[in-house]
Structures are given as structure tokens and as C-alpha cells.
Amino acid sequence: MATNQFLNVPLSMPDQAQHIRLITNVLNNTLDGKLNSTGTVTLTASATSTTLSDVRIGGNSVILFTPTTSNGATAHANLYVSAKASGTATLTHASSSNTDQTFDYVVIG
């Protein structure tokens, strides 16, 4: 699941001064590492693949994972991205009955 946590700036605004303030705020947030490129995914239990849907994913994206549960940490060693397309990635992993193999992820590119 992906959420935009930080402000997006419209391409144009009637009030140019307000537009510049918004651009400055977003740029400063970006320099501080505040990017709209993160999400959370839980691996499908008793399966060997999970589909990650996120509009920010493309064929050239790099997707990085950080386990957020103990079972996620155990699954991390066998987790890899086996396919990517516009808006989706296939995550391949070992089958486990655990329902809490949860990861935070970041999409770059």
C-alpha cells in the first residue's frame, strides 16, 4: 500500500508567490529525505509470490525492502523482485503460513 505523505506541488498556480513557497517547501523536504516513494507490503501467506501494486513502479524501478516484523526478517533472505511492469511488481519468496511477513519498501526510479 502506497501513501503520499508529503505535499505535491501543482505545475502552476494563480498566486506566483504562493507557488514559489510551495516549491521551496517541497524542495527542502526532498533534501531532508522526505520523499513520496515509500509503502508497506505483506507477503501472501502459503504462496511463493506476492503482487505489489504501486503506481510509482516501472520497468526500471529499484525496489528496496526493510522487514518490520520478526517473520518478515526471516522471509527477507529469500525475497526478490522477479518481474516489474508499469504499476506492479512480482515478489518471489518462500512459502510460509505466517500472515505477518511485513515489509516497508521504497521505489526509486
PDB file of N, CA and C in Angstrom:
ATOM      1  N   MET A   1       0.850  -1.178   0.000  1.00  0.00           N
ATOM      2  CA  MET A   1       0.000   0.000   0.000  1.00  0.00           C
ATOM      3  C   MET A   1       0.894   1.239   0.000  1.00  0.00           C
ATOM      4  N   ALA A   2       0.610   2.124  -0.905  1.00  0.00           N
ATOM      5  CA  ALA A   2       1.403   3.345  -1.017  1.00  0.00           C
ATOM      6  C   ALA A   2       0.575   4.543  -0.567  1.00  0.00           C
ATOM      7  N   THR A   3       1.217   5.440   0.139  1.00  0.00           N
ATOM      8  CA  THR A   3       0.545   6.669   0.528  1.00  0.00           C
ATOM      9  C   THR A   3       1.475   7.840   0.280  1.00  0.00           C
ATOM     10  N   ASN A   4       0.910   8.928  -0.169  1.00  0.00           N
ATOM     11  CA  ASN A   4       1.679  10.159  -0.298  1.00  0.00           C
ATOM     12  C   ASN A   4       1.588  10.902   1.016  1.00  0.00           C
ATOM     13  N   GLN A   5       2.706  11.000   1.686  1.00  0.00           N
ATOM     14  CA  GLN A   5       2.735  11.629   2.995  1.00  0.00           C
ATOM     15  C   GLN A   5       3.121  13.091   2.908  1.00  0.00           C
ATOM     16  N   PHE A   6       3.698  13.485   1.790  1.00  0.00           N
ATOM     17  CA  PHE A   6       4.240  14.827   1.670  1.00  0.00           C
ATOM     18  C   PHE A   6       3.583  15.547   0.503  1.00  0.00           C
ATOM     19  N   LEU A   7       3.567  16.845   0.572  1.00  0.00           N
ATOM     20  CA  LEU A   7       2.889  17.705  -0.376  1.00  0.00           C
ATOM     21  C   LEU A   7       3.440  17.578  -1.789  1.00  0.00           C
ATOM     22  N   ASN A   8       2.541  17.514  -2.781  1.00  0.00           N
ATOM     23  CA  ASN A   8       2.899  17.627  -4.185  1.00  0.00           C
ATOM     24  C   ASN A   8       2.579  19.050  -4.623  1.00  0.00           C
ATOM     25  N   VAL A   9       3.385  19.600  -5.514  1.00  0.00           N
ATOM     26  CA  VAL A   9       3.195  20.969  -5.978  1.00  0.00           C
ATOM     27  C   VAL A   9       2.546  20.943  -7.359  1.00  0.00           C
ATOM     28  N   PRO A  10       1.459  21.693  -7.552  1.00  0.00           N
ATOM     29  CA  PRO A  10       0.868  21.773  -8.888  1.00  0.00           C
ATOM     30  C   PRO A  10       1.836  22.451  -9.854  1.00  0.00           C
ATOM     31  N   LEU A  11       1.679  22.169 -11.148  1.00  0.00           N
ATOM     32  CA  LEU A  11       2.566  22.768 -12.148  1.00  0.00           C
ATOM     33  C   LEU A  11       2.425  24.279 -12.230  1.00  0.00           C
ATOM     34  N   SER A  12       1.235  24.771 -11.979  1.00  0.00           N
ATOM     35  CA  SER A  12       1.049  26.224 -11.987  1.00  0.00           C
ATOM     36  C   SER A  12      -0.023  26.598 -10.975  1.00  0.00           C
ATOM     37  N   MET A  13       0.054  27.853 -10.540  1.00  0.00           N
ATOM     38  CA  MET A  13      -0.917  28.402  -9.597  1.00  0.00           C
ATOM     39  C   MET A  13      -1.119  29.874  -9.939  1.00  0.00           C
ATOM     40  N   PRO A  14      -2.312  30.413  -9.694  1.00  0.00           N
ATOM     41  CA  PRO A  14      -2.536  31.834  -9.966  1.00  0.00           C
ATOM     42  C   PRO A  14      -1.651  32.749  -9.119  1.00  0.00           C
ATOM     43  N   ASP A  15      -1.408  32.370  -7.875  1.00  0.00           N
ATOM     44  CA  ASP A  15      -0.590  33.174  -6.968  1.00  0.00           C
ATOM     45  C   ASP A  15       0.857  32.693  -7.062  1.00  0.00           C
ATOM     46  N   GLN A  16       1.688  33.415  -7.807  1.00  0.00           N
ATOM     47  CA  GLN A  16       3.067  33.000  -8.042  1.00  0.00           C
ATOM     48  C   GLN A  16       3.877  32.942  -6.753  1.00  0.00           C
ATOM     49  N   ALA A  17       3.665  33.853  -5.836  1.00  0.00           N
ATOM     50  CA  ALA A  17       4.403  33.848  -4.566  1.00  0.00           C
ATOM     51  C   ALA A  17       4.082  32.592  -3.758  1.00  0.00           C
ATOM     52  N   GLN A  18       2.815  32.221  -3.722  1.00  0.00           N
ATOM     53  CA  GLN A  18       2.426  31.000  -3.012  1.00  0.00           C
ATOM     54  C   GLN A  18       3.033  29.777  -3.704  1.00  0.00           C
ATOM     55  N   HIS A  19       3.057  29.782  -5.028  1.00  0.00           N
ATOM     56  CA  HIS A  19       3.630  28.680  -5.782  1.00  0.00           C
ATOM     57  C   HIS A  19       5.113  28.515  -5.449  1.00  0.00           C
ATOM     58  N   ILE A  20       5.841  29.599  -5.387  1.00  0.00           N
ATOM     59  CA  ILE A  20       7.268  29.559  -5.056  1.00  0.00           C
ATOM     60  C   ILE A  20       7.473  29.049  -3.631  1.00  0.00           C
ATOM     61  N   ARG A  21       6.614  29.464  -2.690  1.00  0.00           N
ATOM     62  CA  ARG A  21       6.713  28.963  -1.313  1.00  0.00           C
ATOM     63  C   ARG A  21       6.505  27.450  -1.272  1.00  0.00           C
ATOM     64  N   LEU A  22       5.520  26.957  -2.013  1.00  0.00           N
ATOM     65  CA  LEU A  22       5.271  25.512  -2.044  1.00  0.00           C
ATOM     66  C   LEU A  22       6.452  24.763  -2.647  1.00  0.00           C
ATOM     67  N   ILE A  23       6.991  25.281  -3.739  1.00  0.00           N
ATOM     68  CA  ILE A  23       8.154  24.647  -4.370  1.00  0.00           C
ATOM     69  C   ILE A  23       9.326  24.609  -3.395  1.00  0.00           C
ATOM     70  N   THR A  24       9.564  25.707  -2.700  1.00  0.00           N
ATOM     71  CA  THR A  24      10.656  25.774  -1.727  1.00  0.00           C
ATOM     72  C   THR A  24      10.455  24.754  -0.614  1.00  0.00           C
ATOM     73  N   ASN A  25       9.230  24.652  -0.113  1.00  0.00           N
ATOM     74  CA  ASN A  25       8.924  23.696   0.951  1.00  0.00           C
ATOM     75  C   ASN A  25       9.174  22.263   0.484  1.00  0.00           C
ATOM     76  N   VAL A  26       8.689  21.921  -0.698  1.00  0.00           N
ATOM     77  CA  VAL A  26       8.869  20.562  -1.213  1.00  0.00           C
ATOM     78  C   VAL A  26      10.345  20.278  -1.472  1.00  0.00           C
ATOM     79  N   LEU A  27      11.069  21.228  -2.030  1.00  0.00           N
ATOM     80  CA  LEU A  27      12.493  21.032  -2.286  1.00  0.00           C
ATOM     81  C   LEU A  27      13.255  20.834  -0.977  1.00  0.00           C
ATOM     82  N   ASN A  28      12.975  21.637   0.019  1.00  0.00           N
ATOM     83  CA  ASN A  28      13.642  21.464   1.313  1.00  0.00           C
ATOM     84  C   ASN A  28      13.299  20.113   1.937  1.00  0.00           C
ATOM     85  N   ASN A  29      12.051  19.683   1.834  1.00  0.00           N
ATOM     86  CA  ASN A  29      11.681  18.351   2.330  1.00  0.00           C
ATOM     87  C   ASN A  29      12.447  17.260   1.596  1.00  0.00           C
ATOM     88  N   THR A  30      12.585  17.406   0.281  1.00  0.00           N
ATOM     89  CA  THR A  30      13.327  16.420  -0.509  1.00  0.00           C
ATOM     90  C   THR A  30      14.777  16.337  -0.039  1.00  0.00           C
ATOM     91  N   LEU A  31      15.390  17.484   0.195  1.00  0.00           N
ATOM     92  CA  LEU A  31      16.767  17.495   0.693  1.00  0.00           C
ATOM     93  C   LEU A  31      16.876  16.848   2.070  1.00  0.00           C
ATOM     94  N   ASP A  32      15.788  16.872   2.838  1.00  0.00           N
ATOM     95  CA  ASP A  32      15.757  16.236   4.160  1.00  0.00           C
ATOM     96  C   ASP A  32      15.332  14.768   4.095  1.00  0.00           C
ATOM     97  N   GLY A  33      15.171  14.217   2.861  1.00  0.00           N
ATOM     98  CA  GLY A  33      14.826  12.808   2.705  1.00  0.00           C
ATOM     99  C   GLY A  33      13.338  12.508   2.791  1.00  0.00           C
ATOM    100  N   LYS A  34      12.503  13.524   2.749  1.00  0.00           N
ATOM    101  CA  LYS A  34      11.045  13.334   2.845  1.00  0.00           C
ATOM    102  C   LYS A  34      10.488  13.141   1.436  1.00  0.00           C
ATOM    103  N   LEU A  35      10.431  11.881   0.999  1.00  0.00           N
ATOM    104  CA  LEU A  35      10.018  11.556  -0.358  1.00  0.00           C
ATOM    105  C   LEU A  35       8.732  10.737  -0.358  1.00  0.00           C
ATOM    106  N   ASN A  36       7.929  10.916  -1.379  1.00  0.00           N
ATOM    107  CA  ASN A  36       6.715  10.108  -1.557  1.00  0.00           C
ATOM    108  C   ASN A  36       7.059   8.853  -2.352  1.00  0.00           C
ATOM    109  N   SER A  37       7.945   8.037  -1.811  1.00  0.00           N
ATOM    110  CA  SER A  37       8.373   6.846  -2.539  1.00  0.00           C
ATOM    111  C   SER A  37       8.333   5.592  -1.670  1.00  0.00           C
ATOM    112  N   THR A  38       7.584   5.637  -0.567  1.00  0.00           N
ATOM    113  CA  THR A  38       7.563   4.506   0.360  1.00  0.00           C
ATOM    114  C   THR A  38       6.185   3.868   0.431  1.00  0.00           C
ATOM    115  N   GLY A  39       6.173   2.646   0.950  1.00  0.00           N
ATOM    116  CA  GLY A  39       4.921   1.926   1.145  1.00  0.00           C
ATOM    117  C   GLY A  39       5.143   0.740   2.059  1.00  0.00           C
ATOM    118  N   THR A  40       4.098  -0.050   2.245  1.00  0.00           N
ATOM    119  CA  THR A  40       4.140  -1.252   3.082  1.00  0.00           C
ATOM    120  C   THR A  40       3.521  -2.410   2.309  1.00  0.00           C
ATOM    121  N   VAL A  41       4.120  -3.577   2.434  1.00  0.00           N
ATOM    122  CA  VAL A  41       3.585  -4.769   1.774  1.00  0.00           C
ATOM    123  C   VAL A  41       3.701  -5.953   2.731  1.00  0.00           C
ATOM    124  N   THR A  42       2.703  -6.830   2.701  1.00  0.00           N
ATOM    125  CA  THR A  42       2.729  -8.080   3.462  1.00  0.00           C
ATOM    126  C   THR A  42       2.715  -9.228   2.462  1.00  0.00           C
ATOM    127  N   LEU A  43       3.656 -10.149   2.599  1.00  0.00           N
ATOM    128  CA  LEU A  43       3.721 -11.276   1.678  1.00  0.00           C
ATOM    129  C   LEU A  43       2.486 -12.156   1.828  1.00  0.00           C
ATOM    130  N   THR A  44       2.034 -12.703   0.707  1.00  0.00           N
ATOM    131  CA  THR A  44       0.877 -13.594   0.699  1.00  0.00           C
ATOM    132  C   THR A  44       1.242 -14.900   1.403  1.00  0.00           C
ATOM    133  N   ALA A  45       0.454 -15.271   2.411  1.00  0.00           N
ATOM    134  CA  ALA A  45       0.712 -16.496   3.174  1.00  0.00           C
ATOM    135  C   ALA A  45       0.463 -17.725   2.307  1.00  0.00           C
ATOM    136  N   SER A  46       1.244 -18.768   2.542  1.00  0.00           N
ATOM    137  CA  SER A  46       1.124 -20.057   1.855  1.00  0.00           C
ATOM    138  C   SER A  46       1.199 -19.913   0.343  1.00  0.00           C
ATOM    139  N   ALA A  47       2.022 -19.008  -0.127  1.00  0.00           N
ATOM    140  CA  ALA A  47       2.224 -18.799  -1.557  1.00  0.00           C
ATOM    141  C   ALA A  47       3.700 -18.503  -1.788  1.00  0.00           C
ATOM    142  N   THR A  48       4.127 -18.597  -3.043  1.00  0.00           N
ATOM    143  CA  THR A  48       5.523 -18.322  -3.364  1.00  0.00           C
ATOM    144  C   THR A  48       5.691 -17.012  -4.127  1.00  0.00           C
ATOM    145  N   SER A  49       4.598 -16.273  -4.291  1.00  0.00           N
ATOM    146  CA  SER A  49       4.715 -14.952  -4.911  1.00  0.00           C
ATOM    147  C   SER A  49       3.642 -14.021  -4.364  1.00  0.00           C
ATOM    148  N   THR A  50       3.944 -12.743  -4.420  1.00  0.00           N
ATOM    149  CA  THR A  50       3.035 -11.688  -3.985  1.00  0.00           C
ATOM    150  C   THR A  50       3.096 -10.589  -5.028  1.00  0.00           C
ATOM    151  N   THR A  51       1.948 -10.037  -5.385  1.00  0.00           N
ATOM    152  CA  THR A  51       1.918  -8.924  -6.317  1.00  0.00           C
ATOM    153  C   THR A  51       1.905  -7.623  -5.534  1.00  0.00           C
ATOM    154  N   LEU A  52       2.869  -6.772  -5.832  1.00  0.00           N
ATOM    155  CA  LEU A  52       2.957  -5.448  -5.227  1.00  0.00           C
ATOM    156  C   LEU A  52       2.433  -4.451  -6.246  1.00  0.00           C
ATOM    157  N   SER A  53       1.337  -3.779  -5.924  1.00  0.00           N
ATOM    158  CA  SER A  53       0.748  -2.774  -6.811  1.00  0.00           C
ATOM    159  C   SER A  53       1.056  -1.389  -6.273  1.00  0.00           C
ATOM    160  N   ASP A  54       1.696  -0.577  -7.119  1.00  0.00           N
ATOM    161  CA  ASP A  54       2.072   0.781  -6.741  1.00  0.00           C
ATOM    162  C   ASP A  54       2.287   1.551  -8.035  1.00  0.00           C
ATOM    163  N   VAL A  55       1.562   2.629  -8.223  1.00  0.00           N
ATOM    164  CA  VAL A  55       1.630   3.382  -9.476  1.00  0.00           C
ATOM    165  C   VAL A  55       3.031   3.920  -9.762  1.00  0.00           C
ATOM    166  N   ARG A  56       3.880   3.990  -8.757  1.00  0.00           N
ATOM    167  CA  ARG A  56       5.229   4.533  -8.935  1.00  0.00           C
ATOM    168  C   ARG A  56       6.214   3.510  -9.495  1.00  0.00           C
ATOM    169  N   ILE A  57       5.814   2.252  -9.578  1.00  0.00           N
ATOM    170  CA  ILE A  57       6.698   1.199 -10.085  1.00  0.00           C
ATOM    171  C   ILE A  57       6.703   1.216 -11.607  1.00  0.00           C
ATOM    172  N   GLY A  58       7.887   1.111 -12.166  1.00  0.00           N
ATOM    173  CA  GLY A  58       8.063   0.994 -13.607  1.00  0.00           C
ATOM    174  C   GLY A  58       9.067  -0.104 -13.902  1.00  0.00           C
ATOM    175  N   GLY A  59       9.271  -0.376 -15.160  1.00  0.00           N
ATOM    176  CA  GLY A  59      10.181  -1.440 -15.558  1.00  0.00           C
ATOM    177  C   GLY A  59      11.612  -1.238 -15.115  1.00  0.00           C
ATOM    178  N   ASN A  60      12.027   0.010 -14.908  1.00  0.00           N
ATOM    179  CA  ASN A  60      13.404   0.302 -14.489  1.00  0.00           C
ATOM    180  C   ASN A  60      13.518   0.675 -13.020  1.00  0.00           C
ATOM    181  N   SER A  61      12.449   0.516 -12.250  1.00  0.00           N
ATOM    182  CA  SER A  61      12.469   0.887 -10.836  1.00  0.00           C
ATOM    183  C   SER A  61      13.355  -0.048 -10.022  1.00  0.00           C
ATOM    184  N   VAL A  62      13.927   0.502  -8.979  1.00  0.00           N
ATOM    185  CA  VAL A  62      14.626  -0.278  -7.961  1.00  0.00           C
ATOM    186  C   VAL A  62      13.716  -0.279  -6.735  1.00  0.00           C
ATOM    187  N   ILE A  63      13.447  -1.463  -6.185  1.00  0.00           N
ATOM    188  CA  ILE A  63      12.564  -1.588  -5.025  1.00  0.00           C
ATOM    189  C   ILE A  63      13.370  -2.200  -3.891  1.00  0.00           C
ATOM    190  N   LEU A  64      13.444  -1.473  -2.780  1.00  0.00           N
ATOM    191  CA  LEU A  64      14.218  -1.913  -1.619  1.00  0.00           C
ATOM    192  C   LEU A  64      13.270  -2.230  -0.470  1.00  0.00           C
ATOM    193  N   PHE A  65      13.590  -3.270   0.298  1.00  0.00           N
ATOM    194  CA  PHE A  65      12.707  -3.744   1.365  1.00  0.00           C
ATOM    195  C   PHE A  65      13.394  -3.707   2.722  1.00  0.00           C
ATOM    196  N   THR A  66      12.602  -3.371   3.759  1.00  0.00           N
ATOM    197  CA  THR A  66      13.039  -3.441   5.144  1.00  0.00           C
ATOM    198  C   THR A  66      11.977  -4.217   5.918  1.00  0.00           C
ATOM    199  N   PRO A  67      12.330  -5.361   6.503  1.00  0.00           N
ATOM    200  CA  PRO A  67      11.340  -6.110   7.278  1.00  0.00           C
ATOM    201  C   PRO A  67      10.912  -5.329   8.520  1.00  0.00           C
ATOM    202  N   THR A  68       9.613  -5.410   8.837  1.00  0.00           N
ATOM    203  CA  THR A  68       9.090  -4.703  10.012  1.00  0.00           C
ATOM    204  C   THR A  68       8.497  -5.651  11.050  1.00  0.00           C
ATOM    205  N   THR A  69       8.599  -6.952  10.786  1.00  0.00           N
ATOM    206  CA  THR A  69       8.165  -7.964  11.760  1.00  0.00           C
ATOM    207  C   THR A  69       9.230  -9.049  11.828  1.00  0.00           C
ATOM    208  N   SER A  70       9.188  -9.842  12.878  1.00  0.00           N
ATOM    209  CA  SER A  70      10.134 -10.947  13.027  1.00  0.00           C
ATOM    210  C   SER A  70       9.997 -11.932  11.875  1.00  0.00           C
ATOM    211  N   ASN A  71       8.769 -12.274  11.501  1.00  0.00           N
ATOM    212  CA  ASN A  71       8.570 -13.199  10.381  1.00  0.00           C
ATOM    213  C   ASN A  71       8.991 -12.565   9.061  1.00  0.00           C
ATOM    214  N   GLY A  72       8.865 -11.260   8.946  1.00  0.00           N
ATOM    215  CA  GLY A  72       9.370 -10.569   7.769  1.00  0.00           C
ATOM    216  C   GLY A  72      10.887 -10.671   7.691  1.00  0.00           C
ATOM    217  N   ALA A  73      11.545 -10.514   8.828  1.00  0.00           N
ATOM    218  CA  ALA A  73      13.005 -10.627   8.860  1.00  0.00           C
ATOM    219  C   ALA A  73      13.458 -12.017   8.435  1.00  0.00           C
ATOM    220  N   THR A  74      12.715 -13.030   8.845  1.00  0.00           N
ATOM    221  CA  THR A  74      13.044 -14.403   8.451  1.00  0.00           C
ATOM    222  C   THR A  74      12.854 -14.597   6.951  1.00  0.00           C
ATOM    223  N   ALA A  75      11.797 -14.007   6.387  1.00  0.00           N
ATOM    224  CA  ALA A  75      11.491 -14.160   4.961  1.00  0.00           C
ATOM    225  C   ALA A  75      12.408 -13.332   4.070  1.00  0.00           C
ATOM    226  N   HIS A  76      13.031 -12.313   4.624  1.00  0.00           N
ATOM    227  CA  HIS A  76      13.815 -11.355   3.838  1.00  0.00           C
ATOM    228  C   HIS A  76      14.919 -12.014   3.015  1.00  0.00           C
ATOM    229  N   ALA A  77      15.550 -13.045   3.549  1.00  0.00           N
ATOM    230  CA  ALA A  77      16.669 -13.695   2.862  1.00  0.00           C
ATOM    231  C   ALA A  77      16.248 -14.329   1.538  1.00  0.00           C
ATOM    232  N   ASN A  78      14.987 -14.720   1.415  1.00  0.00           N
ATOM    233  CA  ASN A  78      14.502 -15.395   0.208  1.00  0.00           C
ATOM    234  C   ASN A  78      13.582 -14.520  -0.633  1.00  0.00           C
ATOM    235  N   LEU A  79      13.545 -13.230  -0.375  1.00  0.00           N
ATOM    236  CA  LEU A  79      12.656 -12.309  -1.091  1.00  0.00           C
ATOM    237  C   LEU A  79      13.405 -11.627  -2.224  1.00  0.00           C
ATOM    238  N   TYR A  80      12.811 -11.663  -3.426  1.00  0.00           N
ATOM    239  CA  TYR A  80      13.380 -10.908  -4.536  1.00  0.00           C
ATOM    240  C   TYR A  80      12.280 -10.483  -5.496  1.00  0.00           C
ATOM    241  N   VAL A  81      12.577  -9.472  -6.293  1.00  0.00           N
ATOM    242  CA  VAL A  81      11.638  -8.975  -7.298  1.00  0.00           C
ATOM    243  C   VAL A  81      11.898  -9.750  -8.573  1.00  0.00           C
ATOM    244  N   SER A  82      10.934 -10.574  -8.987  1.00  0.00           N
ATOM    245  CA  SER A  82      11.126 -11.425 -10.156  1.00  0.00           C
ATOM    246  C   SER A  82      10.580 -10.807 -11.439  1.00  0.00           C
ATOM    247  N   ALA A  83       9.729  -9.783 -11.333  1.00  0.00           N
ATOM    248  CA  ALA A  83       9.198  -9.116 -12.525  1.00  0.00           C
ATOM    249  C   ALA A  83       8.718  -7.726 -12.145  1.00  0.00           C
ATOM    250  N   LYS A  84       8.858  -6.787 -13.094  1.00  0.00           N
ATOM    251  CA  LYS A  84       8.368  -5.416 -12.898  1.00  0.00           C
ATOM    252  C   LYS A  84       7.686  -4.958 -14.177  1.00  0.00           C
ATOM    253  N   ALA A  85       6.626  -4.200 -13.997  1.00  0.00           N
ATOM    254  CA  ALA A  85       5.921  -3.580 -15.109  1.00  0.00           C
ATOM    255  C   ALA A  85       5.338  -2.278 -14.596  1.00  0.00           C
ATOM    256  N   SER A  86       4.664  -1.565 -15.442  1.00  0.00           N
ATOM    257  CA  SER A  86       4.076  -0.291 -15.051  1.00  0.00           C
ATOM    258  C   SER A  86       3.034  -0.504 -13.953  1.00  0.00           C
ATOM    259  N   GLY A  87       3.328  -0.029 -12.743  1.00  0.00           N
ATOM    260  CA  GLY A  87       2.389  -0.089 -11.633  1.00  0.00           C
ATOM    261  C   GLY A  87       2.370  -1.379 -10.848  1.00  0.00           C
ATOM    262  N   THR A  88       3.251  -2.320 -11.160  1.00  0.00           N
ATOM    263  CA  THR A  88       3.204  -3.598 -10.456  1.00  0.00           C
ATOM    264  C   THR A  88       4.570  -4.280 -10.435  1.00  0.00           C
ATOM    265  N   ALA A  89       4.791  -5.080  -9.403  1.00  0.00           N
ATOM    266  CA  ALA A  89       5.995  -5.912  -9.314  1.00  0.00           C
ATOM    267  C   ALA A  89       5.593  -7.252  -8.719  1.00  0.00           C
ATOM    268  N   THR A  90       6.244  -8.302  -9.179  1.00  0.00           N
ATOM    269  CA  THR A  90       6.031  -9.630  -8.622  1.00  0.00           C
ATOM    270  C   THR A  90       7.162  -9.922  -7.655  1.00  0.00           C
ATOM    271  N   LEU A  91       6.800 -10.206  -6.414  1.00  0.00           N
ATOM    272  CA  LEU A  91       7.771 -10.554  -5.382  1.00  0.00           C
ATOM    273  C   LEU A  91       7.763 -12.066  -5.231  1.00  0.00           C
ATOM    274  N   THR A  92       8.905 -12.680  -5.374  1.00  0.00           N
ATOM    275  CA  THR A  92       9.017 -14.127  -5.225  1.00  0.00           C
ATOM    276  C   THR A  92       9.679 -14.407  -3.881  1.00  0.00           C
ATOM    277  N   HIS A  93       9.138 -15.422  -3.192  1.00  0.00           N
ATOM    278  CA  HIS A  93       9.599 -15.718  -1.839  1.00  0.00           C
ATOM    279  C   HIS A  93       9.252 -17.150  -1.487  1.00  0.00           C
ATOM    280  N   ALA A  94       9.814 -17.633  -0.409  1.00  0.00           N
ATOM    281  CA  ALA A  94       9.497 -18.970   0.086  1.00  0.00           C
ATOM    282  C   ALA A  94       8.065 -18.989   0.619  1.00  0.00           C
ATOM    283  N   SER A  95       7.416 -20.130   0.486  1.00  0.00           N
ATOM    284  CA  SER A  95       6.055 -20.278   1.016  1.00  0.00           C
ATOM    285  C   SER A  95       6.104 -20.409   2.536  1.00  0.00           C
ATOM    286  N   SER A  96       5.211 -19.686   3.203  1.00  0.00           N
ATOM    287  CA  SER A  96       5.118 -19.733   4.659  1.00  0.00           C
ATOM    288  C   SER A  96       3.669 -19.476   5.058  1.00  0.00           C
ATOM    289  N   SER A  97       3.234 -20.135   6.094  1.00  0.00           N
ATOM    290  CA  SER A  97       1.861 -19.924   6.572  1.00  0.00           C
ATOM    291  C   SER A  97       1.738 -18.655   7.421  1.00  0.00           C
ATOM    292  N   ASN A  98       2.856 -18.008   7.714  1.00  0.00           N
ATOM    293  CA  ASN A  98       2.824 -16.781   8.519  1.00  0.00           C
ATOM    294  C   ASN A  98       2.100 -15.674   7.759  1.00  0.00           C
ATOM    295  N   THR A  99       1.215 -14.984   8.457  1.00  0.00           N
ATOM    296  CA  THR A  99       0.429 -13.915   7.831  1.00  0.00           C
ATOM    297  C   THR A  99       0.978 -12.524   8.120  1.00  0.00           C
ATOM    298  N   ASP A 100       2.113 -12.480   8.814  1.00  0.00           N
ATOM    299  CA  ASP A 100       2.674 -11.178   9.187  1.00  0.00           C
ATOM    300  C   ASP A 100       4.103 -10.985   8.677  1.00  0.00           C
ATOM    301  N   GLN A 101       4.355 -11.424   7.462  1.00  0.00           N
ATOM    302  CA  GLN A 101       5.656 -11.193   6.825  1.00  0.00           C
ATOM    303  C   GLN A 101       5.580  -9.828   6.148  1.00  0.00           C
ATOM    304  N   THR A 102       5.793  -8.798   6.940  1.00  0.00           N
ATOM    305  CA  THR A 102       5.525  -7.424   6.503  1.00  0.00           C
ATOM    306  C   THR A 102       6.822  -6.647   6.311  1.00  0.00           C
ATOM    307  N   PHE A 103       6.794  -5.800   5.276  1.00  0.00           N
ATOM    308  CA  PHE A 103       7.967  -5.008   4.901  1.00  0.00           C
ATOM    309  C   PHE A 103       7.554  -3.580   4.580  1.00  0.00           C
ATOM    310  N   ASP A 104       8.411  -2.633   4.923  1.00  0.00           N
ATOM    311  CA  ASP A 104       8.336  -1.308   4.340  1.00  0.00           C
ATOM    312  C   ASP A 104       9.169  -1.367   3.079  1.00  0.00           C
ATOM    313  N   TYR A 105       8.793  -0.576   2.066  1.00  0.00           N
ATOM    314  CA  TYR A 105       9.585  -0.577   0.843  1.00  0.00           C
ATOM    315  C   TYR A 105       9.719   0.853   0.324  1.00  0.00           C
ATOM    316  N   VAL A 106      10.725   1.030  -0.538  1.00  0.00           N
ATOM    317  CA  VAL A 106      10.934   2.300  -1.217  1.00  0.00           C
ATOM    318  C   VAL A 106      11.119   2.000  -2.703  1.00  0.00           C
ATOM    319  N   VAL A 107      10.495   2.828  -3.542  1.00  0.00           N
ATOM    320  CA  VAL A 107      10.618   2.706  -5.000  1.00  0.00           C
ATOM    321  C   VAL A 107      11.463   3.880  -5.479  1.00  0.00           C
ATOM    322  N   ILE A 108      12.517   3.563  -6.209  1.00  0.00           N
ATOM    323  CA  ILE A 108      13.381   4.585  -6.785  1.00  0.00           C
ATOM    324  C   ILE A 108      13.382   4.391  -8.303  1.00  0.00           C
ATOM    325  N   GLY A 109      13.112   5.426  -9.025  1.00  0.00           N
ATOM    326  CA  GLY A 109      13.112   5.370 -10.486  1.00  0.00           C
ATOM    327  C   GLY A 109      11.832   4.904 -11.107  1.00  0.00           C
TER     328      GLY A 109
END
